[in-house]
Every structure is written in C-alpha cells, then in structure tokens.
C-alpha cells in the first residue's frame, strides 16, 4: 500500500501471490472466502451483504486472471 497523502488518496496493490490465488480460485472457493469476509466484517461492525461480497471477489478474481495473462499486476487507487 502506498502512503496516504493529505488529500486522502491511497493505492492498494495485490501481491503476486494473492493475485495468482484469486486468478486460480474456483467459484466455490470464492464463495467460501466471500462468506468468511462478510462474517468477519460484521464482527468488526461493518455490514457487507454476502451477495455483494461474492460479486466483489468474483470480479476481482476475473481482473486478476486477466492481469496475470498479460503479465501485469493488480492495484486499486482510491481517491
């Protein structure tokens, strides 16, 4: 993760290992991970709907697969 500036911008980069794991994950694995993520966030007081979590992880896995096939990494820039 790049340092956060005064304007609140931050960049998150997926490690090559996480990117590969997501790219290779089968649908049942992604669904289990989404359920666990949703449950953990709920324990911390943040509600993430299970279907939304599944959609986010599925999209991220697809992005990781595309990036990996191109020899690229995955990052998210939040402004």
N, C-alpha and C. Protein backbone atom coordinates (compact mmCIF):
# COMPACT_ATOMS: atom_id res chain seq x y z
N UNK A 1 0.84 -1.16 0.00
CA UNK A 1 0.00 0.00 0.00
C UNK A 1 0.89 1.23 0.00
N UNK A 2 0.61 2.15 -0.88
CA UNK A 2 1.35 3.41 -0.92
C UNK A 2 0.86 4.31 0.20
N UNK A 3 1.73 5.21 0.64
CA UNK A 3 1.39 6.11 1.73
C UNK A 3 0.22 7.02 1.38
N UNK A 4 -0.58 7.31 2.37
CA UNK A 4 -1.74 8.16 2.17
C UNK A 4 -1.30 9.62 2.28
N UNK A 5 -1.69 10.42 1.31
CA UNK A 5 -1.38 11.84 1.29
C UNK A 5 -2.46 12.61 2.03
N UNK A 6 -2.25 13.90 2.21
CA UNK A 6 -3.22 14.74 2.90
C UNK A 6 -4.58 14.76 2.21
N UNK A 7 -4.61 14.53 0.90
CA UNK A 7 -5.88 14.57 0.18
C UNK A 7 -6.65 13.27 0.29
N UNK A 8 -6.10 12.28 0.97
CA UNK A 8 -6.82 11.03 1.20
C UNK A 8 -6.63 9.98 0.14
N UNK A 9 -5.79 10.22 -0.88
CA UNK A 9 -5.56 9.23 -1.92
C UNK A 9 -4.65 8.12 -1.40
N UNK A 10 -4.97 6.89 -1.80
CA UNK A 10 -4.17 5.75 -1.39
C UNK A 10 -4.22 4.70 -2.51
N UNK A 11 -3.14 3.94 -2.65
CA UNK A 11 -3.07 2.89 -3.65
C UNK A 11 -2.83 1.56 -2.94
N UNK A 12 -3.68 0.59 -3.24
CA UNK A 12 -3.53 -0.77 -2.72
C UNK A 12 -3.08 -1.66 -3.88
N UNK A 13 -2.02 -2.42 -3.66
CA UNK A 13 -1.53 -3.34 -4.69
C UNK A 13 -1.67 -4.77 -4.19
N UNK A 14 -2.21 -5.64 -5.03
CA UNK A 14 -2.29 -7.06 -4.68
C UNK A 14 -0.91 -7.68 -4.87
N UNK A 15 -0.51 -8.48 -3.92
CA UNK A 15 0.75 -9.18 -4.07
C UNK A 15 0.63 -10.18 -5.23
N UNK A 16 1.75 -10.54 -5.84
CA UNK A 16 1.69 -11.53 -6.91
C UNK A 16 1.05 -12.85 -6.42
N UNK A 17 1.33 -13.22 -5.18
CA UNK A 17 0.77 -14.47 -4.64
C UNK A 17 -0.75 -14.38 -4.50
N UNK A 18 -1.25 -13.27 -3.95
CA UNK A 18 -2.70 -13.10 -3.82
C UNK A 18 -3.36 -13.03 -5.18
N UNK A 19 -2.75 -12.31 -6.09
CA UNK A 19 -3.30 -12.20 -7.44
C UNK A 19 -3.40 -13.57 -8.10
N UNK A 20 -2.35 -14.38 -7.97
CA UNK A 20 -2.36 -15.73 -8.56
C UNK A 20 -3.42 -16.61 -7.90
N UNK A 21 -3.53 -16.51 -6.58
CA UNK A 21 -4.52 -17.31 -5.85
C UNK A 21 -5.93 -16.96 -6.30
N UNK A 22 -6.21 -15.66 -6.43
CA UNK A 22 -7.53 -15.25 -6.90
C UNK A 22 -7.78 -15.70 -8.33
N UNK A 23 -6.78 -15.55 -9.18
CA UNK A 23 -6.93 -15.92 -10.59
C UNK A 23 -7.23 -17.41 -10.75
N UNK A 24 -6.68 -18.23 -9.87
CA UNK A 24 -6.83 -19.68 -9.98
C UNK A 24 -8.00 -20.23 -9.17
N UNK A 25 -8.64 -19.39 -8.37
CA UNK A 25 -9.71 -19.86 -7.48
C UNK A 25 -10.94 -20.30 -8.26
N UNK A 26 -11.52 -21.38 -7.82
CA UNK A 26 -12.77 -21.87 -8.39
C UNK A 26 -13.93 -21.16 -7.69
N UNK A 27 -15.08 -21.17 -8.30
CA UNK A 27 -16.26 -20.47 -7.76
C UNK A 27 -16.58 -20.86 -6.32
N UNK A 28 -16.58 -22.14 -5.96
CA UNK A 28 -16.88 -22.50 -4.56
C UNK A 28 -15.88 -21.90 -3.57
N UNK A 29 -14.61 -21.82 -3.97
CA UNK A 29 -13.59 -21.22 -3.09
C UNK A 29 -13.87 -19.73 -2.90
N UNK A 30 -14.23 -19.06 -3.98
CA UNK A 30 -14.53 -17.63 -3.90
C UNK A 30 -15.77 -17.39 -3.03
N UNK A 31 -16.76 -18.26 -3.16
CA UNK A 31 -17.97 -18.11 -2.36
C UNK A 31 -17.68 -18.32 -0.87
N UNK A 32 -16.85 -19.30 -0.54
CA UNK A 32 -16.48 -19.51 0.86
C UNK A 32 -15.70 -18.32 1.41
N UNK A 33 -14.79 -17.80 0.60
CA UNK A 33 -13.99 -16.65 1.02
C UNK A 33 -14.88 -15.42 1.22
N UNK A 34 -15.84 -15.23 0.34
CA UNK A 34 -16.76 -14.09 0.45
C UNK A 34 -17.61 -14.20 1.71
N UNK A 35 -18.08 -15.40 2.00
CA UNK A 35 -18.87 -15.61 3.21
C UNK A 35 -18.04 -15.32 4.46
N UNK A 36 -16.81 -15.80 4.48
CA UNK A 36 -15.93 -15.56 5.62
C UNK A 36 -15.61 -14.07 5.75
N UNK A 37 -15.36 -13.41 4.64
CA UNK A 37 -15.07 -11.97 4.64
C UNK A 37 -16.26 -11.19 5.19
N UNK A 38 -17.44 -11.51 4.69
CA UNK A 38 -18.65 -10.83 5.14
C UNK A 38 -18.86 -11.03 6.65
N UNK A 39 -18.66 -12.24 7.11
CA UNK A 39 -18.82 -12.56 8.53
C UNK A 39 -17.81 -11.80 9.38
N UNK A 40 -16.56 -11.77 8.94
CA UNK A 40 -15.51 -11.07 9.70
C UNK A 40 -15.78 -9.57 9.77
N UNK A 41 -16.22 -8.99 8.66
CA UNK A 41 -16.51 -7.55 8.66
C UNK A 41 -17.67 -7.25 9.61
N UNK A 42 -18.66 -8.16 9.64
CA UNK A 42 -19.80 -7.97 10.54
C UNK A 42 -19.34 -7.97 11.99
N UNK A 43 -18.38 -8.83 12.33
CA UNK A 43 -17.84 -8.88 13.68
C UNK A 43 -17.17 -7.55 14.05
N UNK A 44 -16.64 -6.86 13.05
CA UNK A 44 -16.00 -5.56 13.27
C UNK A 44 -16.97 -4.39 13.12
N UNK A 45 -18.26 -4.71 12.95
CA UNK A 45 -19.28 -3.67 12.88
C UNK A 45 -19.56 -3.11 11.50
N UNK A 46 -18.99 -3.72 10.47
CA UNK A 46 -19.23 -3.27 9.09
C UNK A 46 -20.05 -4.34 8.37
N UNK A 47 -21.18 -3.94 7.85
CA UNK A 47 -22.05 -4.90 7.17
C UNK A 47 -21.75 -4.91 5.67
N UNK A 48 -21.38 -6.07 5.18
CA UNK A 48 -21.20 -6.30 3.74
C UNK A 48 -22.11 -7.47 3.39
N UNK A 49 -23.10 -7.20 2.57
CA UNK A 49 -24.02 -8.24 2.13
C UNK A 49 -23.25 -9.40 1.49
N UNK A 50 -23.66 -10.62 1.79
CA UNK A 50 -22.97 -11.79 1.26
C UNK A 50 -22.93 -11.84 -0.25
N UNK A 51 -24.02 -11.46 -0.90
CA UNK A 51 -24.05 -11.46 -2.37
C UNK A 51 -23.14 -10.38 -2.94
N UNK A 52 -23.08 -9.25 -2.26
CA UNK A 52 -22.17 -8.18 -2.70
C UNK A 52 -20.73 -8.64 -2.55
N UNK A 53 -20.41 -9.28 -1.43
CA UNK A 53 -19.06 -9.79 -1.20
C UNK A 53 -18.68 -10.80 -2.29
N UNK A 54 -19.61 -11.69 -2.64
CA UNK A 54 -19.36 -12.67 -3.71
C UNK A 54 -19.10 -11.97 -5.04
N UNK A 55 -19.90 -10.95 -5.33
CA UNK A 55 -19.74 -10.22 -6.58
C UNK A 55 -18.39 -9.50 -6.62
N UNK A 56 -17.99 -8.88 -5.52
CA UNK A 56 -16.70 -8.18 -5.47
C UNK A 56 -15.56 -9.16 -5.68
N UNK A 57 -15.56 -10.28 -4.94
CA UNK A 57 -14.47 -11.25 -5.08
C UNK A 57 -14.44 -11.90 -6.45
N UNK A 58 -15.60 -12.18 -7.02
CA UNK A 58 -15.65 -12.76 -8.37
C UNK A 58 -15.08 -11.80 -9.40
N UNK A 59 -15.44 -10.53 -9.28
CA UNK A 59 -14.91 -9.51 -10.19
C UNK A 59 -13.42 -9.33 -10.02
N UNK A 60 -12.97 -9.32 -8.78
CA UNK A 60 -11.54 -9.18 -8.51
C UNK A 60 -10.77 -10.38 -9.04
N UNK A 61 -11.33 -11.57 -8.90
CA UNK A 61 -10.68 -12.78 -9.42
C UNK A 61 -10.58 -12.72 -10.94
N UNK A 62 -11.64 -12.25 -11.59
CA UNK A 62 -11.61 -12.12 -13.05
C UNK A 62 -10.56 -11.09 -13.48
N UNK A 63 -10.49 -9.98 -12.77
CA UNK A 63 -9.49 -8.96 -13.06
C UNK A 63 -8.08 -9.51 -12.86
N UNK A 64 -7.89 -10.24 -11.78
CA UNK A 64 -6.57 -10.84 -11.51
C UNK A 64 -6.19 -11.83 -12.62
N UNK A 65 -7.16 -12.60 -13.09
CA UNK A 65 -6.89 -13.54 -14.17
C UNK A 65 -6.48 -12.85 -15.46
N UNK A 66 -7.18 -11.78 -15.79
CA UNK A 66 -6.84 -11.01 -16.99
C UNK A 66 -5.46 -10.37 -16.85
N UNK A 67 -5.20 -9.76 -15.71
CA UNK A 67 -3.90 -9.12 -15.48
C UNK A 67 -2.78 -10.15 -15.54
N UNK A 68 -3.01 -11.29 -14.94
CA UNK A 68 -1.98 -12.34 -14.91
C UNK A 68 -1.67 -12.84 -16.33
N UNK A 69 -2.70 -13.00 -17.15
CA UNK A 69 -2.48 -13.48 -18.51
C UNK A 69 -1.69 -12.47 -19.34
N UNK A 70 -1.71 -11.21 -18.92
CA UNK A 70 -0.97 -10.15 -19.62
C UNK A 70 0.38 -9.85 -18.96
N UNK A 71 0.68 -10.57 -17.88
CA UNK A 71 1.92 -10.33 -17.17
C UNK A 71 1.90 -9.03 -16.36
N UNK A 72 0.71 -8.60 -15.96
CA UNK A 72 0.55 -7.35 -15.23
C UNK A 72 0.11 -7.61 -13.79
N UNK A 73 0.20 -6.59 -12.97
CA UNK A 73 -0.26 -6.68 -11.59
C UNK A 73 -1.64 -6.06 -11.44
N UNK A 74 -2.15 -6.10 -10.22
CA UNK A 74 -3.47 -5.52 -9.93
C UNK A 74 -3.31 -4.53 -8.79
N UNK A 75 -3.88 -3.36 -8.98
CA UNK A 75 -3.86 -2.36 -7.92
C UNK A 75 -5.18 -1.60 -7.94
N UNK A 76 -5.44 -0.91 -6.86
CA UNK A 76 -6.65 -0.10 -6.72
C UNK A 76 -6.24 1.25 -6.19
N UNK A 77 -6.60 2.29 -6.90
CA UNK A 77 -6.31 3.65 -6.49
C UNK A 77 -7.60 4.25 -5.95
N UNK A 78 -7.59 4.66 -4.70
CA UNK A 78 -8.78 5.22 -4.05
C UNK A 78 -8.52 6.70 -3.79
N UNK A 79 -9.40 7.52 -4.34
CA UNK A 79 -9.25 8.97 -4.15
C UNK A 79 -10.28 9.48 -3.18
